Every structure is written in C-alpha cells, then in structure tokens.
ModelCIF file with pLDDT and N, C-alpha, C, O atoms, coordinates in Angstrom:
data_MODEL
#
_entry.id   MODEL 
#
_entity.id                         1 
_entity.type                       polymer 
_entity.pdbx_number_of_molecules   1 
#
_entity_poly.entity_id                      1 
_entity_poly.type                           'polypeptide(L)' 
_entity_poly.nstd_linkage                   no 
_entity_poly.nstd_monomer                   no 
_entity_poly.pdbx_seq_one_letter_code       VKQLENFAGIMNFVIFPMYFASSALYPLWRVQEASPLLYKICVLNPF 
_entity_poly.pdbx_seq_one_letter_code_can   VKQLENFAGIMNFVIFPMYFASSALYPLWRVQEASPLLYKICVLNPF 
_entity_poly.pdbx_strand_id                 A 
#
loop_
_entity_poly_seq.entity_id 
_entity_poly_seq.num 
_entity_poly_seq.mon_id 
_entity_poly_seq.hetero 
1 1  VAL n 
1 2  LYS n 
1 3  GLN n 
1 4  LEU n 
1 5  GLU n 
1 6  ASN n 
1 7  PHE n 
1 8  ALA n 
1 9  GLY n 
1 10 ILE n 
1 11 MET n 
1 12 ASN n 
1 13 PHE n 
1 14 VAL n 
1 15 ILE n 
1 16 PHE n 
1 17 PRO n 
1 18 MET n 
1 19 TYR n 
1 20 PHE n 
1 21 ALA n 
1 22 SER n 
1 23 SER n 
1 24 ALA n 
1 25 LEU n 
1 26 TYR n 
1 27 PRO n 
1 28 LEU n 
1 29 TRP n 
1 30 ARG n 
1 31 VAL n 
1 32 GLN n 
1 33 GLU n 
1 34 ALA n 
1 35 SER n 
1 36 PRO n 
1 37 LEU n 
1 38 LEU n 
1 39 TYR n 
1 40 LYS n 
1 41 ILE n 
1 42 CYS n 
1 43 VAL n 
1 44 LEU n 
1 45 ASN n 
1 46 PRO n 
1 47 PHE n 
#
_struct_asym.id          A 
_struct_asym.entity_id   1 
#
loop_
_ma_qa_metric.id 
_ma_qa_metric.mode 
_ma_qa_metric.name 
_ma_qa_metric.software_group_id 
_ma_qa_metric.type 
1 global pLDDT . pLDDT 
2 local  pLDDT . pLDDT 
#
_ma_qa_metric_global.metric_id      1 
_ma_qa_metric_global.metric_value   85.21 
_ma_qa_metric_global.model_id       1 
_ma_qa_metric_global.ordinal_id     1 
#
loop_
_ma_qa_metric_local.label_asym_id 
_ma_qa_metric_local.label_comp_id 
_ma_qa_metric_local.label_seq_id 
_ma_qa_metric_local.metric_id 
_ma_qa_metric_local.metric_value 
_ma_qa_metric_local.model_id 
_ma_qa_metric_local.ordinal_id 
A VAL 1  2 73.00 1 1  
A LYS 2  2 67.00 1 2  
A GLN 3  2 67.00 1 3  
A LEU 4  2 63.00 1 4  
A GLU 5  2 64.00 1 5  
A ASN 6  2 65.00 1 6  
A PHE 7  2 64.00 1 7  
A ALA 8  2 66.00 1 8  
A GLY 9  2 71.00 1 9  
A ILE 10 2 72.00 1 10 
A MET 11 2 70.00 1 11 
A ASN 12 2 75.00 1 12 
A PHE 13 2 83.00 1 13 
A VAL 14 2 85.00 1 14 
A ILE 15 2 87.00 1 15 
A PHE 16 2 88.00 1 16 
A PRO 17 2 91.00 1 17 
A MET 18 2 92.00 1 18 
A TYR 19 2 93.00 1 19 
A PHE 20 2 92.00 1 20 
A ALA 21 2 93.00 1 21 
A SER 22 2 94.00 1 22 
A SER 23 2 92.00 1 23 
A ALA 24 2 91.00 1 24 
A LEU 25 2 88.00 1 25 
A TYR 26 2 87.00 1 26 
A PRO 27 2 88.00 1 27 
A LEU 28 2 90.00 1 28 
A TRP 29 2 86.00 1 29 
A ARG 30 2 84.00 1 30 
A VAL 31 2 89.00 1 31 
A GLN 32 2 90.00 1 32 
A GLU 33 2 87.00 1 33 
A ALA 34 2 86.00 1 34 
A SER 35 2 91.00 1 35 
A PRO 36 2 93.00 1 36 
A LEU 37 2 94.00 1 37 
A LEU 38 2 94.00 1 38 
A TYR 39 2 95.00 1 39 
A LYS 40 2 95.00 1 40 
A ILE 41 2 95.00 1 41 
A CYS 42 2 95.00 1 42 
A VAL 43 2 95.00 1 43 
A LEU 44 2 96.00 1 44 
A ASN 45 2 96.00 1 45 
A PRO 46 2 96.00 1 46 
A PHE 47 2 97.00 1 47 
#
loop_
_atom_site.group_PDB 
_atom_site.id 
_atom_site.type_symbol 
_atom_site.label_atom_id 
_atom_site.label_alt_id 
_atom_site.label_comp_id 
_atom_site.label_asym_id 
_atom_site.label_entity_id 
_atom_site.label_seq_id 
_atom_site.pdbx_PDB_ins_code 
_atom_site.Cartn_x 
_atom_site.Cartn_y 
_atom_site.Cartn_z 
_atom_site.occupancy 
_atom_site.B_iso_or_equiv 
_atom_site.pdbx_formal_charge 
_atom_site.auth_seq_id 
_atom_site.auth_comp_id 
_atom_site.auth_asym_id 
_atom_site.auth_atom_id 
_atom_site.pdbx_PDB_model_num 
ATOM 1   N N  . VAL A 1 1  ? 10.893 -78.226 -50.695 1.00 73.00 ? 1  VAL A N  1 
ATOM 2   C CA . VAL A 1 1  ? 10.424 -79.364 -49.903 1.00 73.00 ? 1  VAL A CA 1 
ATOM 3   C C  . VAL A 1 1  ? 9.632  -80.295 -50.797 1.00 73.00 ? 1  VAL A C  1 
ATOM 4   O O  . VAL A 1 1  ? 9.057  -79.876 -51.802 1.00 73.00 ? 1  VAL A O  1 
ATOM 5   N N  . LYS A 1 2  ? 9.609  -81.568 -50.417 1.00 67.00 ? 2  LYS A N  1 
ATOM 6   C CA . LYS A 1 2  ? 8.929  -82.577 -51.207 1.00 67.00 ? 2  LYS A CA 1 
ATOM 7   C C  . LYS A 1 2  ? 7.658  -83.085 -50.549 1.00 67.00 ? 2  LYS A C  1 
ATOM 8   O O  . LYS A 1 2  ? 6.811  -83.678 -51.216 1.00 67.00 ? 2  LYS A O  1 
ATOM 9   N N  . GLN A 1 3  ? 7.512  -82.858 -49.234 1.00 67.00 ? 3  GLN A N  1 
ATOM 10  C CA . GLN A 1 3  ? 6.352  -83.371 -48.525 1.00 67.00 ? 3  GLN A CA 1 
ATOM 11  C C  . GLN A 1 3  ? 5.630  -82.244 -47.799 1.00 67.00 ? 3  GLN A C  1 
ATOM 12  O O  . GLN A 1 3  ? 6.243  -81.275 -47.352 1.00 67.00 ? 3  GLN A O  1 
ATOM 13  N N  . LEU A 1 4  ? 4.322  -82.392 -47.694 1.00 63.00 ? 4  LEU A N  1 
ATOM 14  C CA . LEU A 1 4  ? 3.487  -81.370 -47.090 1.00 63.00 ? 4  LEU A CA 1 
ATOM 15  C C  . LEU A 1 4  ? 3.859  -81.117 -45.638 1.00 63.00 ? 4  LEU A C  1 
ATOM 16  O O  . LEU A 1 4  ? 3.853  -79.970 -45.191 1.00 63.00 ? 4  LEU A O  1 
ATOM 17  N N  . GLU A 1 5  ? 4.183  -82.166 -44.900 1.00 64.00 ? 5  GLU A N  1 
ATOM 18  C CA . GLU A 1 5  ? 4.511  -82.011 -43.478 1.00 64.00 ? 5  GLU A CA 1 
ATOM 19  C C  . GLU A 1 5  ? 5.754  -81.163 -43.284 1.00 64.00 ? 5  GLU A C  1 
ATOM 20  O O  . GLU A 1 5  ? 5.814  -80.370 -42.345 1.00 64.00 ? 5  GLU A O  1 
ATOM 21  N N  . ASN A 1 6  ? 6.742  -81.311 -44.148 1.00 65.00 ? 6  ASN A N  1 
ATOM 22  C CA . ASN A 1 6  ? 7.976  -80.531 -44.030 1.00 65.00 ? 6  ASN A CA 1 
ATOM 23  C C  . ASN A 1 6  ? 7.725  -79.049 -44.283 1.00 65.00 ? 6  ASN A C  1 
ATOM 24  O O  . ASN A 1 6  ? 8.333  -78.196 -43.638 1.00 65.00 ? 6  ASN A O  1 
ATOM 25  N N  . PHE A 1 7  ? 6.829  -78.742 -45.221 1.00 64.00 ? 7  PHE A N  1 
ATOM 26  C CA . PHE A 1 7  ? 6.568  -77.341 -45.538 1.00 64.00 ? 7  PHE A CA 1 
ATOM 27  C C  . PHE A 1 7  ? 5.889  -76.635 -44.371 1.00 64.00 ? 7  PHE A C  1 
ATOM 28  O O  . PHE A 1 7  ? 6.159  -75.463 -44.109 1.00 64.00 ? 7  PHE A O  1 
ATOM 29  N N  . ALA A 1 8  ? 5.007  -77.347 -43.667 1.00 66.00 ? 8  ALA A N  1 
ATOM 30  C CA . ALA A 1 8  ? 4.347  -76.741 -42.505 1.00 66.00 ? 8  ALA A CA 1 
ATOM 31  C C  . ALA A 1 8  ? 5.375  -76.334 -41.455 1.00 66.00 ? 8  ALA A C  1 
ATOM 32  O O  . ALA A 1 8  ? 5.227  -75.291 -40.819 1.00 66.00 ? 8  ALA A O  1 
ATOM 33  N N  . GLY A 1 9  ? 6.419  -77.148 -41.265 1.00 71.00 ? 9  GLY A N  1 
ATOM 34  C CA . GLY A 1 9  ? 7.465  -76.797 -40.314 1.00 71.00 ? 9  GLY A CA 1 
ATOM 35  C C  . GLY A 1 9  ? 8.273  -75.599 -40.764 1.00 71.00 ? 9  GLY A C  1 
ATOM 36  O O  . GLY A 1 9  ? 8.617  -74.740 -39.952 1.00 71.00 ? 9  GLY A O  1 
ATOM 37  N N  . ILE A 1 10 ? 8.581  -75.531 -42.051 1.00 72.00 ? 10 ILE A N  1 
ATOM 38  C CA . ILE A 1 10 ? 9.342  -74.397 -42.573 1.00 72.00 ? 10 ILE A CA 1 
ATOM 39  C C  . ILE A 1 10 ? 8.564  -73.101 -42.406 1.00 72.00 ? 10 ILE A C  1 
ATOM 40  O O  . ILE A 1 10 ? 9.153  -72.058 -42.121 1.00 72.00 ? 10 ILE A O  1 
ATOM 41  N N  . MET A 1 11 ? 7.254  -73.154 -42.579 1.00 70.00 ? 11 MET A N  1 
ATOM 42  C CA . MET A 1 11 ? 6.427  -71.953 -42.421 1.00 70.00 ? 11 MET A CA 1 
ATOM 43  C C  . MET A 1 11 ? 6.602  -71.332 -41.039 1.00 70.00 ? 11 MET A C  1 
ATOM 44  O O  . MET A 1 11 ? 6.680  -70.111 -40.905 1.00 70.00 ? 11 MET A O  1 
ATOM 45  N N  . ASN A 1 12 ? 6.662  -72.175 -40.020 1.00 75.00 ? 12 ASN A N  1 
ATOM 46  C CA . ASN A 1 12 ? 6.805  -71.650 -38.656 1.00 75.00 ? 12 ASN A CA 1 
ATOM 47  C C  . ASN A 1 12 ? 8.145  -70.963 -38.449 1.00 75.00 ? 12 ASN A C  1 
ATOM 48  O O  . ASN A 1 12 ? 8.246  -70.038 -37.643 1.00 75.00 ? 12 ASN A O  1 
ATOM 49  N N  . PHE A 1 13 ? 9.175  -71.399 -39.164 1.00 83.00 ? 13 PHE A N  1 
ATOM 50  C CA . PHE A 1 13 ? 10.492 -70.785 -39.029 1.00 83.00 ? 13 PHE A CA 1 
ATOM 51  C C  . PHE A 1 13 ? 10.651 -69.564 -39.930 1.00 83.00 ? 13 PHE A C  1 
ATOM 52  O O  . PHE A 1 13 ? 11.683 -68.894 -39.885 1.00 83.00 ? 13 PHE A O  1 
ATOM 53  N N  . VAL A 1 14 ? 9.656  -69.273 -40.737 1.00 85.00 ? 14 VAL A N  1 
ATOM 54  C CA . VAL A 1 14 ? 9.719  -68.126 -41.636 1.00 85.00 ? 14 VAL A CA 1 
ATOM 55  C C  . VAL A 1 14 ? 8.714  -67.058 -41.243 1.00 85.00 ? 14 VAL A C  1 
ATOM 56  O O  . VAL A 1 14 ? 9.067  -65.884 -41.124 1.00 85.00 ? 14 VAL A O  1 
ATOM 57  N N  . ILE A 1 15 ? 7.451  -67.460 -41.038 1.00 87.00 ? 15 ILE A N  1 
ATOM 58  C CA . ILE A 1 15 ? 6.383  -66.489 -40.809 1.00 87.00 ? 15 ILE A CA 1 
ATOM 59  C C  . ILE A 1 15 ? 6.610  -65.691 -39.528 1.00 87.00 ? 15 ILE A C  1 
ATOM 60  O O  . ILE A 1 15 ? 6.620  -64.461 -39.558 1.00 87.00 ? 15 ILE A O  1 
ATOM 61  N N  . PHE A 1 16 ? 6.790  -66.376 -38.419 1.00 88.00 ? 16 PHE A N  1 
ATOM 62  C CA . PHE A 1 16 ? 6.869  -65.673 -37.138 1.00 88.00 ? 16 PHE A CA 1 
ATOM 63  C C  . PHE A 1 16 ? 8.133  -64.821 -37.008 1.00 88.00 ? 16 PHE A C  1 
ATOM 64  O O  . PHE A 1 16 ? 8.028  -63.679 -36.561 1.00 88.00 ? 16 PHE A O  1 
ATOM 65  N N  . PRO A 1 17 ? 9.331  -65.315 -37.376 1.00 91.00 ? 17 PRO A N  1 
ATOM 66  C CA . PRO A 1 17 ? 10.491 -64.415 -37.324 1.00 91.00 ? 17 PRO A CA 1 
ATOM 67  C C  . PRO A 1 17 ? 10.347 -63.196 -38.231 1.00 91.00 ? 17 PRO A C  1 
ATOM 68  O O  . PRO A 1 17 ? 10.737 -62.093 -37.850 1.00 91.00 ? 17 PRO A O  1 
ATOM 69  N N  . MET A 1 18 ? 9.787  -63.386 -39.433 1.00 92.00 ? 18 MET A N  1 
ATOM 70  C CA . MET A 1 18 ? 9.624  -62.250 -40.342 1.00 92.00 ? 18 MET A CA 1 
ATOM 71  C C  . MET A 1 18 ? 8.665  -61.226 -39.757 1.00 92.00 ? 18 MET A C  1 
ATOM 72  O O  . MET A 1 18 ? 8.897  -60.022 -39.865 1.00 92.00 ? 18 MET A O  1 
ATOM 73  N N  . TYR A 1 19 ? 7.600  -61.695 -39.144 1.00 93.00 ? 19 TYR A N  1 
ATOM 74  C CA . TYR A 1 19 ? 6.584  -60.767 -38.651 1.00 93.00 ? 19 TYR A CA 1 
ATOM 75  C C  . TYR A 1 19 ? 7.047  -60.024 -37.400 1.00 93.00 ? 19 TYR A C  1 
ATOM 76  O O  . TYR A 1 19 ? 6.918  -58.802 -37.323 1.00 93.00 ? 19 TYR A O  1 
ATOM 77  N N  . PHE A 1 20 ? 7.582  -60.745 -36.427 1.00 92.00 ? 20 PHE A N  1 
ATOM 78  C CA . PHE A 1 20 ? 7.944  -60.112 -35.164 1.00 92.00 ? 20 PHE A CA 1 
ATOM 79  C C  . PHE A 1 20 ? 9.237  -59.306 -35.274 1.00 92.00 ? 20 PHE A C  1 
ATOM 80  O O  . PHE A 1 20 ? 9.407  -58.332 -34.540 1.00 92.00 ? 20 PHE A O  1 
ATOM 81  N N  . ALA A 1 21 ? 10.140 -59.679 -36.157 1.00 93.00 ? 21 ALA A N  1 
ATOM 82  C CA . ALA A 1 21 ? 11.383 -58.923 -36.338 1.00 93.00 ? 21 ALA A CA 1 
ATOM 83  C C  . ALA A 1 21 ? 11.203 -57.909 -37.464 1.00 93.00 ? 21 ALA A C  1 
ATOM 84  O O  . ALA A 1 21 ? 11.940 -57.919 -38.450 1.00 93.00 ? 21 ALA A O  1 
ATOM 85  N N  . SER A 1 22 ? 10.217 -57.042 -37.302 1.00 94.00 ? 22 SER A N  1 
ATOM 86  C CA . SER A 1 22 ? 9.923  -56.027 -38.309 1.00 94.00 ? 22 SER A CA 1 
ATOM 87  C C  . SER A 1 22 ? 9.309  -54.827 -37.603 1.00 94.00 ? 22 SER A C  1 
ATOM 88  O O  . SER A 1 22 ? 9.220  -54.783 -36.376 1.00 94.00 ? 22 SER A O  1 
ATOM 89  N N  . SER A 1 23 ? 8.889  -53.859 -38.403 1.00 92.00 ? 23 SER A N  1 
ATOM 90  C CA . SER A 1 23 ? 8.238  -52.669 -37.842 1.00 92.00 ? 23 SER A CA 1 
ATOM 91  C C  . SER A 1 23 ? 6.732  -52.821 -37.793 1.00 92.00 ? 23 SER A C  1 
ATOM 92  O O  . SER A 1 23 ? 6.018  -51.827 -37.663 1.00 92.00 ? 23 SER A O  1 
ATOM 93  N N  . ALA A 1 24 ? 6.226  -54.062 -37.898 1.00 91.00 ? 24 ALA A N  1 
ATOM 94  C CA . ALA A 1 24 ? 4.783  -54.274 -37.921 1.00 91.00 ? 24 ALA A CA 1 
ATOM 95  C C  . ALA A 1 24 ? 4.132  -53.930 -36.598 1.00 91.00 ? 24 ALA A C  1 
ATOM 96  O O  . ALA A 1 24 ? 3.026  -53.390 -36.578 1.00 91.00 ? 24 ALA A O  1 
ATOM 97  N N  . LEU A 1 25 ? 4.799  -54.234 -35.484 1.00 88.00 ? 25 LEU A N  1 
ATOM 98  C CA . LEU A 1 25 ? 4.203  -54.048 -34.164 1.00 88.00 ? 25 LEU A CA 1 
ATOM 99  C C  . LEU A 1 25 ? 4.809  -52.886 -33.385 1.00 88.00 ? 25 LEU A C  1 
ATOM 100 O O  . LEU A 1 25 ? 4.148  -52.304 -32.525 1.00 88.00 ? 25 LEU A O  1 
ATOM 101 N N  . TYR A 1 26 ? 6.057  -52.548 -33.681 1.00 87.00 ? 26 TYR A N  1 
ATOM 102 C CA . TYR A 1 26 ? 6.738  -51.512 -32.913 1.00 87.00 ? 26 TYR A CA 1 
ATOM 103 C C  . TYR A 1 26 ? 7.530  -50.622 -33.864 1.00 87.00 ? 26 TYR A C  1 
ATOM 104 O O  . TYR A 1 26 ? 8.092  -51.118 -34.840 1.00 87.00 ? 26 TYR A O  1 
ATOM 105 N N  . PRO A 1 27 ? 7.585  -49.319 -33.600 1.00 88.00 ? 27 PRO A N  1 
ATOM 106 C CA . PRO A 1 27 ? 8.437  -48.443 -34.415 1.00 88.00 ? 27 PRO A CA 1 
ATOM 107 C C  . PRO A 1 27 ? 9.898  -48.864 -34.299 1.00 88.00 ? 27 PRO A C  1 
ATOM 108 O O  . PRO A 1 27 ? 10.334 -49.332 -33.247 1.00 88.00 ? 27 PRO A O  1 
ATOM 109 N N  . LEU A 1 28 ? 10.638 -48.698 -35.365 1.00 90.00 ? 28 LEU A N  1 
ATOM 110 C CA . LEU A 1 28 ? 12.029 -49.135 -35.369 1.00 90.00 ? 28 LEU A CA 1 
ATOM 111 C C  . LEU A 1 28 ? 12.867 -48.370 -34.355 1.00 90.00 ? 28 LEU A C  1 
ATOM 112 O O  . LEU A 1 28 ? 13.846 -48.906 -33.836 1.00 90.00 ? 28 LEU A O  1 
ATOM 113 N N  . TRP A 1 29 ? 12.499 -47.126 -34.066 1.00 86.00 ? 29 TRP A N  1 
ATOM 114 C CA . TRP A 1 29 ? 13.308 -46.386 -33.093 1.00 86.00 ? 29 TRP A CA 1 
ATOM 115 C C  . TRP A 1 29 ? 13.174 -46.990 -31.702 1.00 86.00 ? 29 TRP A C  1 
ATOM 116 O O  . TRP A 1 29 ? 14.117 -46.951 -30.912 1.00 86.00 ? 29 TRP A O  1 
ATOM 117 N N  . ARG A 1 30 ? 12.002 -47.549 -31.399 1.00 84.00 ? 30 ARG A N  1 
ATOM 118 C CA . ARG A 1 30 ? 11.846 -48.226 -30.115 1.00 84.00 ? 30 ARG A CA 1 
ATOM 119 C C  . ARG A 1 30 ? 12.637 -49.532 -30.089 1.00 84.00 ? 30 ARG A C  1 
ATOM 120 O O  . ARG A 1 30 ? 13.232 -49.884 -29.070 1.00 84.00 ? 30 ARG A O  1 
ATOM 121 N N  . VAL A 1 31 ? 12.640 -50.239 -31.197 1.00 89.00 ? 31 VAL A N  1 
ATOM 122 C CA . VAL A 1 31 ? 13.416 -51.477 -31.283 1.00 89.00 ? 31 VAL A CA 1 
ATOM 123 C C  . VAL A 1 31 ? 14.898 -51.178 -31.108 1.00 89.00 ? 31 VAL A C  1 
ATOM 124 O O  . VAL A 1 31 ? 15.610 -51.920 -30.433 1.00 89.00 ? 31 VAL A O  1 
ATOM 125 N N  . GLN A 1 32 ? 15.363 -50.090 -31.717 1.00 90.00 ? 32 GLN A N  1 
ATOM 126 C CA . GLN A 1 32 ? 16.775 -49.730 -31.611 1.00 90.00 ? 32 GLN A CA 1 
ATOM 127 C C  . GLN A 1 32 ? 17.151 -49.393 -30.178 1.00 90.00 ? 32 GLN A C  1 
ATOM 128 O O  . GLN A 1 32 ? 18.247 -49.733 -29.733 1.00 90.00 ? 32 GLN A O  1 
ATOM 129 N N  . GLU A 1 33 ? 16.261 -48.730 -29.447 1.00 87.00 ? 33 GLU A N  1 
ATOM 130 C CA . GLU A 1 33 ? 16.532 -48.416 -28.049 1.00 87.00 ? 33 GLU A CA 1 
ATOM 131 C C  . GLU A 1 33 ? 16.614 -49.674 -27.192 1.00 87.00 ? 33 GLU A C  1 
ATOM 132 O O  . GLU A 1 33 ? 17.415 -49.753 -26.261 1.00 87.00 ? 33 GLU A O  1 
ATOM 133 N N  . ALA A 1 34 ? 15.773 -50.659 -27.517 1.00 86.00 ? 34 ALA A N  1 
ATOM 134 C CA . ALA A 1 34 ? 15.712 -51.873 -26.709 1.00 86.00 ? 34 ALA A CA 1 
ATOM 135 C C  . ALA A 1 34 ? 16.822 -52.850 -27.048 1.00 86.00 ? 34 ALA A C  1 
ATOM 136 O O  . ALA A 1 34 ? 17.406 -53.465 -26.155 1.00 86.00 ? 34 ALA A O  1 
ATOM 137 N N  . SER A 1 35 ? 17.123 -53.000 -28.359 1.00 91.00 ? 35 SER A N  1 
ATOM 138 C CA . SER A 1 35 ? 18.117 -53.990 -28.779 1.00 91.00 ? 35 SER A CA 1 
ATOM 139 C C  . SER A 1 35 ? 18.704 -53.574 -30.124 1.00 91.00 ? 35 SER A C  1 
ATOM 140 O O  . SER A 1 35 ? 18.041 -53.718 -31.152 1.00 91.00 ? 35 SER A O  1 
ATOM 141 N N  . PRO A 1 36 ? 19.931 -53.064 -30.138 1.00 93.00 ? 36 PRO A N  1 
ATOM 142 C CA . PRO A 1 36 ? 20.569 -52.702 -31.423 1.00 93.00 ? 36 PRO A CA 1 
ATOM 143 C C  . PRO A 1 36 ? 20.694 -53.890 -32.373 1.00 93.00 ? 36 PRO A C  1 
ATOM 144 O O  . PRO A 1 36 ? 20.587 -53.724 -33.588 1.00 93.00 ? 36 PRO A O  1 
ATOM 145 N N  . LEU A 1 37 ? 20.919 -55.083 -31.830 1.00 94.00 ? 37 LEU A N  1 
ATOM 146 C CA . LEU A 1 37 ? 21.030 -56.277 -32.687 1.00 94.00 ? 37 LEU A CA 1 
ATOM 147 C C  . LEU A 1 37 ? 19.705 -56.573 -33.368 1.00 94.00 ? 37 LEU A C  1 
ATOM 148 O O  . LEU A 1 37 ? 19.670 -56.837 -34.570 1.00 94.00 ? 37 LEU A O  1 
ATOM 149 N N  . LEU A 1 38 ? 18.611 -56.532 -32.607 1.00 94.00 ? 38 LEU A N  1 
ATOM 150 C CA . LEU A 1 38 ? 17.287 -56.774 -33.193 1.00 94.00 ? 38 LEU A CA 1 
ATOM 151 C C  . LEU A 1 38 ? 16.954 -55.700 -34.216 1.00 94.00 ? 38 LEU A C  1 
ATOM 152 O O  . LEU A 1 38 ? 16.308 -55.977 -35.227 1.00 94.00 ? 38 LEU A O  1 
ATOM 153 N N  . TYR A 1 39 ? 17.391 -54.481 -33.955 1.00 95.00 ? 39 TYR A N  1 
ATOM 154 C CA . TYR A 1 39 ? 17.158 -53.393 -34.921 1.00 95.00 ? 39 TYR A CA 1 
ATOM 155 C C  . TYR A 1 39 ? 17.828 -53.702 -36.255 1.00 95.00 ? 39 TYR A C  1 
ATOM 156 O O  . TYR A 1 39 ? 17.234 -53.480 -37.310 1.00 95.00 ? 39 TYR A O  1 
ATOM 157 N N  . LYS A 1 40 ? 19.047 -54.206 -36.219 1.00 95.00 ? 40 LYS A N  1 
ATOM 158 C CA . LYS A 1 40 ? 19.744 -54.548 -37.463 1.00 95.00 ? 40 LYS A CA 1 
ATOM 159 C C  . LYS A 1 40 ? 19.030 -55.671 -38.205 1.00 95.00 ? 40 LYS A C  1 
ATOM 160 O O  . LYS A 1 40 ? 18.954 -55.670 -39.434 1.00 95.00 ? 40 LYS A O  1 
ATOM 161 N N  . ILE A 1 41 ? 18.506 -56.633 -37.441 1.00 95.00 ? 41 ILE A N  1 
ATOM 162 C CA . ILE A 1 41 ? 17.756 -57.723 -38.071 1.00 95.00 ? 41 ILE A CA 1 
ATOM 163 C C  . ILE A 1 41 ? 16.488 -57.179 -38.737 1.00 95.00 ? 41 ILE A C  1 
ATOM 164 O O  . ILE A 1 41 ? 16.125 -57.597 -39.837 1.00 95.00 ? 41 ILE A O  1 
ATOM 165 N N  . CYS A 1 42 ? 15.822 -56.244 -38.056 1.00 95.00 ? 42 CYS A N  1 
ATOM 166 C CA . CYS A 1 42 ? 14.615 -55.647 -38.627 1.00 95.00 ? 42 CYS A CA 1 
ATOM 167 C C  . CYS A 1 42 ? 14.919 -54.887 -39.916 1.00 95.00 ? 42 CYS A C  1 
ATOM 168 O O  . CYS A 1 42 ? 14.137 -54.924 -40.866 1.00 95.00 ? 42 CYS A O  1 
ATOM 169 N N  . VAL A 1 43 ? 16.048 -54.206 -39.941 1.00 95.00 ? 43 VAL A N  1 
ATOM 170 C CA . VAL A 1 43 ? 16.432 -53.449 -41.134 1.00 95.00 ? 43 VAL A CA 1 
ATOM 171 C C  . VAL A 1 43 ? 16.726 -54.381 -42.299 1.00 95.00 ? 43 VAL A C  1 
ATOM 172 O O  . VAL A 1 43 ? 16.469 -54.033 -43.452 1.00 95.00 ? 43 VAL A O  1 
ATOM 173 N N  . LEU A 1 44 ? 17.262 -55.559 -42.011 1.00 96.00 ? 44 LEU A N  1 
ATOM 174 C CA . LEU A 1 44 ? 17.569 -56.523 -43.062 1.00 96.00 ? 44 LEU A CA 1 
ATOM 175 C C  . LEU A 1 44 ? 16.356 -57.354 -43.471 1.00 96.00 ? 44 LEU A C  1 
ATOM 176 O O  . LEU A 1 44 ? 16.410 -58.077 -44.467 1.00 96.00 ? 44 LEU A O  1 
ATOM 177 N N  . ASN A 1 45 ? 15.284 -57.259 -42.726 1.00 96.00 ? 45 ASN A N  1 
ATOM 178 C CA . ASN A 1 45 ? 14.085 -58.051 -42.987 1.00 96.00 ? 45 ASN A CA 1 
ATOM 179 C C  . ASN A 1 45 ? 13.261 -57.406 -44.102 1.00 96.00 ? 45 ASN A C  1 
ATOM 180 O O  . ASN A 1 45 ? 12.809 -56.275 -43.926 1.00 96.00 ? 45 ASN A O  1 
ATOM 181 N N  . PRO A 1 46 ? 13.047 -58.063 -45.229 1.00 96.00 ? 46 PRO A N  1 
ATOM 182 C CA . PRO A 1 46 ? 12.257 -57.450 -46.310 1.00 96.00 ? 46 PRO A CA 1 
ATOM 183 C C  . PRO A 1 46 ? 10.815 -57.188 -45.925 1.00 96.00 ? 46 PRO A C  1 
ATOM 184 O O  . PRO A 1 46 ? 10.168 -56.319 -46.510 1.00 96.00 ? 46 PRO A O  1 
ATOM 185 N N  . PHE A 1 47 ? 10.298 -57.930 -44.944 1.00 97.00 ? 47 PHE A N  1 
ATOM 186 C CA . PHE A 1 47 ? 8.920  -57.701 -44.523 1.00 97.00 ? 47 PHE A CA 1 
ATOM 187 C C  . PHE A 1 47 ? 8.764  -56.312 -43.916 1.00 97.00 ? 47 PHE A C  1 
ATOM 188 O O  . PHE A 1 47 ? 7.666  -55.938 -43.503 1.00 97.00 ? 47 PHE A O  1 
#
C-alpha cells in the first residue's frame, strides 16, 4: 500500500479473520463439530 488510510483498511481484513478463524478462542475439535469448512480454514491459518 502507498497510503496510510489504505493500510488501516487492510488491517481489518487481516487481523480479525486470522484471530477468529484459529484455535485462539476455541479448541479445533469444537470448531470441527460446528463447521467442517471453518475447521479447514483454521488448519490453513498460520496464526
């Protein structure tokens, strides 16, 4: 990005998906029971 305002927007599309689609708040086995698709996303998430 070239401008400060654009980077702030990108942060919102990176920080929150990375944090919530991970094992930070819920064990992965619970995520798998609730949503197999979300479980796969969590497994692919480096966070």
